[in-house]
Structure formats: structure tokens, C-alpha cells
Amino acid sequence: MVVGAFPMAKLLYLGIRQVSKPLANRIKEAARRSEFFKTYICLPPAQLYHWVEMRTKMRIMGFRGTVIKPLNEDAAAELGAELLGEATIFIVGGGCLVLEYWRHQAHQRHKEEEQQAAWDAMRDEVGRLALALETLQAQAQAQTQAAPAQSALEELQAQMREVRAQLCARDAPQAASVPQVVSASKAVSASKGQESAEV
């Protein structure tokens, strides 16, 4: 991944440099044409750069305390325009890198927010499922507690059916003997009626 990213970064830098070159060339042309631009924008950075460069070279070579002569105006204007063009390219490239970094960070934040939202949704779902499980466990306990009462009720109903069956079985012979008693009482009353008629 890093090996593939390096040529892309180099290619991006070259592309930015090529795009920024026309802008740098326009700055150079403006420095050559405009006296104000040349005097106040190009010359001071060029003289400063020349002074720092010469001072560093002199120190490396071992010369100390030497006076550094400033560049002539044309050379300073040319050097200042070059520096300004390179600074423009650098600023554009740095701006592109900063924008890419911000875009990457925004993408990472968006991805983290999505992951957090998915995590929160999963946590809510687990909480909902835990609540449903507790409800089902409570219902199961209520049913197991109601099951003995239900079985006792069913046992009582079975006993009631048995008692009714027994009562119905006892009532059947009595119902059969009741017509015999009625017919016997009719016979007795008929015989009494005949006896009274004979008297």
C-alpha cells in the first residue's frame, strides 16, 4: 500500500507543479513589468535569500566576518521572481495536501459515525431482545405456576364429571322404579274403587 502510494504522491506533486507553473510564470512576468511588484515583493526575499545562502557558504568554508555584497537589481528581481514562483507551487501543493488530509479525516469521521450508529443500533436491538427474553421468561414462570392450578382445576372437573355420572347412574334405576310405583299406586286405587262399588 505504501509502495503504491509513493508513486501516486510523486505523480500528484508533478501534476501540481505543472499546473502551478503557468501561475509562477505570470508572477515572473509581473515582476519584470511592474516596478512596485519588483521593488516591494521580489527584491526583499531575493536579497534575504542571497544573504542567507552566502553567509552559510562562507561559514562552511571557514570565512567569518566577511561582508556580503547585495545582488544587483536585475539579478535580485530574477531571483525574487523564481522564489515567488517556487513558493506559489509549494503553497498550491501544500494546500492540495492539506485539503486531501481534511477530506480523508472527514471520510474517517463519517465512517466512525456510521460504525458508532451501527453499534448503537445493535446495542438497542440486544437490549430489546433482552427485554423480550425477560418477558418470555416471566410468562413461562407464570405458566409453570398456573400449570399446577390448571391441572388441579382439570382434576376437579374430572371428579365433577365422575360424580355426575354416578348421580346419573343412580337416578336411572330410580326413574325406572318410579313408573312401577305409580302403576302400583294406580292399581291399588283402582282396586279400592272396585271394593267401594261393590259395597
Protein backbone atom coordinates (compact mmCIF):
# COMPACT_ATOMS: atom_id res chain seq x y z
CA MET A 1 0.00 0.00 0.00
CA VAL A 2 2.82 2.40 0.90
CA VAL A 3 4.79 1.41 -2.20
CA GLY A 4 1.75 2.13 -4.38
CA ALA A 5 1.04 5.39 -2.56
CA PHE A 6 4.56 6.81 -3.10
CA PRO A 7 4.44 6.93 -6.94
CA MET A 8 0.94 8.39 -6.73
CA ALA A 9 2.17 11.13 -4.38
CA LYS A 10 5.10 11.84 -6.69
CA LEU A 11 2.78 11.94 -9.68
CA LEU A 12 0.42 14.24 -7.79
CA TYR A 13 3.29 16.56 -6.91
CA LEU A 14 4.45 16.66 -10.53
CA GLY A 15 0.90 17.37 -11.68
CA ILE A 16 0.53 20.23 -9.19
CA ARG A 17 3.91 21.58 -10.28
CA GLN A 18 2.86 21.51 -13.93
CA VAL A 19 -0.46 23.19 -13.15
CA SER A 20 1.23 25.82 -10.97
CA LYS A 21 3.96 26.64 -13.47
CA PRO A 22 1.77 28.95 -15.59
CA LEU A 23 0.87 30.84 -12.41
CA ALA A 24 4.54 31.12 -11.46
CA ASN A 25 5.40 32.33 -14.98
CA ARG A 26 2.73 35.04 -14.73
CA ILE A 27 4.22 36.15 -11.40
CA LYS A 28 7.66 36.36 -13.03
CA GLU A 29 6.30 38.44 -15.89
CA ALA A 30 4.54 40.76 -13.45
CA ALA A 31 7.81 41.15 -11.52
CA ARG A 32 9.64 42.14 -14.70
CA ARG A 33 6.98 44.63 -15.83
CA SER A 34 5.78 46.22 -12.60
CA GLU A 35 8.23 48.41 -10.70
CA PHE A 36 6.17 48.25 -7.49
CA PHE A 37 5.95 44.44 -7.63
CA LYS A 38 9.67 44.18 -8.33
CA THR A 39 10.72 46.63 -5.61
CA TYR A 40 8.47 45.61 -2.74
CA ILE A 41 7.63 41.95 -3.40
CA CYS A 42 10.50 40.37 -5.35
CA LEU A 43 13.64 42.21 -4.17
CA PRO A 44 13.38 41.80 -0.35
CA PRO A 45 13.00 37.97 -0.37
CA ALA A 46 15.72 37.67 -3.05
CA GLN A 47 18.21 39.78 -1.07
CA LEU A 48 17.39 37.85 2.12
CA TYR A 49 17.81 34.50 0.35
CA HIS A 50 21.13 35.68 -1.17
CA TRP A 51 22.39 36.88 2.21
CA VAL A 52 21.46 33.58 4.00
CA GLU A 53 22.94 31.48 1.20
CA MET A 54 26.24 33.39 1.05
CA ARG A 55 26.57 33.50 4.86
CA THR A 56 26.05 29.72 5.04
CA LYS A 57 28.61 29.09 2.29
CA MET A 58 31.16 31.38 3.94
CA ARG A 59 30.74 29.64 7.31
CA ILE A 60 31.11 26.23 5.70
CA MET A 61 34.33 27.36 4.01
CA GLY A 62 35.62 28.87 7.26
CA PHE A 63 35.38 32.58 6.44
CA ARG A 64 33.95 34.66 9.24
CA GLY A 65 33.09 38.31 9.47
CA THR A 66 33.14 38.92 5.72
CA VAL A 67 30.74 41.48 4.34
CA ILE A 68 28.26 40.12 1.82
CA LYS A 69 27.51 42.35 -1.12
CA PRO A 70 23.83 42.52 -2.17
CA LEU A 71 22.75 41.34 -5.59
CA ASN A 72 22.26 43.85 -8.37
CA GLU A 73 18.67 44.82 -9.09
CA ASP A 74 18.13 42.70 -12.20
CA ALA A 75 19.59 39.53 -10.67
CA ALA A 76 17.63 40.13 -7.45
CA ALA A 77 14.41 40.67 -9.42
CA GLU A 78 15.00 37.45 -11.35
CA LEU A 79 15.84 35.50 -8.18
CA GLY A 80 12.83 37.01 -6.37
CA ALA A 81 10.51 36.05 -9.21
CA GLU A 82 11.92 32.49 -9.15
CA LEU A 83 11.48 32.28 -5.40
CA LEU A 84 7.94 33.62 -5.65
CA GLY A 85 7.11 31.12 -8.42
CA GLU A 86 8.52 28.21 -6.38
CA ALA A 87 6.70 29.45 -3.28
CA THR A 88 3.46 29.55 -5.30
CA ILE A 89 4.00 25.97 -6.45
CA PHE A 90 4.81 24.92 -2.90
CA ILE A 91 1.75 26.69 -1.46
CA VAL A 92 -0.57 25.16 -4.07
CA GLY A 93 0.91 21.70 -3.43
CA GLY A 94 0.71 22.14 0.33
CA GLY A 95 -2.87 23.37 0.03
CA CYS A 96 -3.77 20.30 -2.00
CA LEU A 97 -2.16 18.05 0.61
CA VAL A 98 -3.98 19.82 3.43
CA LEU A 99 -7.29 19.57 1.56
CA GLU A 100 -6.69 15.88 0.90
CA TYR A 101 -5.85 15.35 4.57
CA TRP A 102 -9.05 17.13 5.64
CA ARG A 103 -11.07 15.11 3.14
CA HIS A 104 -9.54 11.89 4.47
CA GLN A 105 -10.24 12.94 8.06
CA ALA A 106 -13.86 13.79 7.18
CA HIS A 107 -14.20 10.41 5.49
CA GLN A 108 -12.75 8.69 8.58
CA ARG A 109 -15.10 10.64 10.87
CA HIS A 110 -18.05 9.73 8.66
CA LYS A 111 -17.03 6.06 8.73
CA GLU A 112 -16.61 6.15 12.52
CA GLU A 113 -20.02 7.79 12.90
CA GLU A 114 -21.58 5.08 10.74
CA GLN A 115 -19.86 2.38 12.80
CA GLN A 116 -20.98 4.06 16.02
CA ALA A 117 -24.56 4.30 14.71
CA ALA A 118 -24.48 0.62 13.73
CA TRP A 119 -23.04 -0.24 17.14
CA ASP A 120 -25.77 1.78 18.91
CA ALA A 121 -28.44 0.10 16.78
CA MET A 122 -27.04 -3.32 17.66
CA ARG A 123 -26.90 -2.38 21.35
CA ASP A 124 -30.53 -1.20 21.21
CA GLU A 125 -31.52 -4.42 19.44
CA VAL A 126 -29.72 -6.51 22.08
CA GLY A 127 -31.48 -4.52 24.82
CA ARG A 128 -34.83 -5.04 23.13
CA LEU A 129 -34.17 -8.76 22.75
CA ALA A 130 -33.08 -9.00 26.40
CA LEU A 131 -36.33 -7.32 27.46
CA ALA A 132 -38.34 -9.69 25.26
CA LEU A 133 -36.46 -12.63 26.78
CA GLU A 134 -37.23 -11.43 30.30
CA THR A 135 -40.91 -11.07 29.35
CA LEU A 136 -40.97 -14.58 27.90
CA GLN A 137 -39.26 -15.96 30.99
CA ALA A 138 -41.83 -14.23 33.21
CA GLN A 139 -44.65 -15.69 31.09
CA ALA A 140 -43.07 -19.14 31.25
CA GLN A 141 -42.80 -18.89 35.04
CA ALA A 142 -46.42 -17.74 35.26
CA GLN A 143 -47.48 -20.67 33.10
CA THR A 144 -45.48 -23.14 35.18
CA GLN A 145 -47.08 -21.70 38.31
CA ALA A 146 -50.50 -21.71 36.66
CA ALA A 147 -49.99 -25.24 35.37
CA PRO A 148 -50.50 -26.88 38.82
CA ALA A 149 -53.57 -24.73 39.37
CA GLN A 150 -54.78 -25.63 35.87
CA SER A 151 -54.14 -29.32 36.50
CA ALA A 152 -55.93 -29.07 39.86
CA LEU A 153 -58.87 -27.41 38.11
CA GLU A 154 -58.92 -30.10 35.45
CA GLU A 155 -58.78 -32.75 38.19
CA LEU A 156 -61.74 -31.14 39.94
CA GLN A 157 -63.65 -31.02 36.66
CA ALA A 158 -62.94 -34.71 36.09
CA GLN A 159 -64.16 -35.52 39.60
CA MET A 160 -67.32 -33.49 38.98
CA ARG A 161 -67.95 -35.46 35.78
CA GLU A 162 -67.48 -38.71 37.68
CA VAL A 163 -69.89 -37.56 40.41
CA ARG A 164 -72.44 -36.52 37.78
CA ALA A 165 -72.03 -39.83 36.03
CA GLN A 166 -72.55 -41.64 39.30
CA LEU A 167 -75.60 -39.49 40.07
CA CYS A 168 -76.97 -40.09 36.63
CA ALA A 169 -76.37 -43.82 37.07
CA ARG A 170 -78.23 -43.78 40.43
CA ASP A 171 -81.04 -41.66 39.05
CA ALA A 172 -81.66 -44.07 36.17
CA PRO A 173 -82.84 -47.05 38.33
CA GLN A 174 -84.90 -44.71 40.49
CA ALA A 175 -86.51 -43.24 37.38
CA ALA A 176 -87.30 -46.78 36.23
CA SER A 177 -88.79 -47.72 39.64
CA VAL A 178 -90.89 -44.53 39.80
CA PRO A 179 -93.23 -45.65 36.96
CA GLN A 180 -93.60 -49.03 38.70
CA VAL A 181 -94.61 -47.27 41.95
CA VAL A 182 -97.02 -45.06 40.02
CA SER A 183 -98.58 -48.06 38.29
CA ALA A 184 -98.78 -49.93 41.61
CA SER A 185 -100.48 -46.98 43.28
CA LYS A 186 -102.93 -46.78 40.38
CA ALA A 187 -103.67 -50.45 40.74
CA VAL A 188 -104.25 -50.06 44.47
CA SER A 189 -106.55 -47.10 43.92
CA ALA A 190 -108.44 -49.00 41.24
CA SER A 191 -108.96 -51.96 43.49
CA LYS A 192 -110.19 -49.66 46.25
CA GLY A 193 -112.62 -48.14 43.81
CA GLN A 194 -113.96 -51.55 42.89
CA GLU A 195 -114.41 -52.52 46.51
CA SER A 196 -116.34 -49.36 47.25
CA ALA A 197 -118.52 -50.01 44.20
CA GLU A 198 -119.34 -53.49 45.39
CA VAL A 199 -120.32 -52.25 48.83
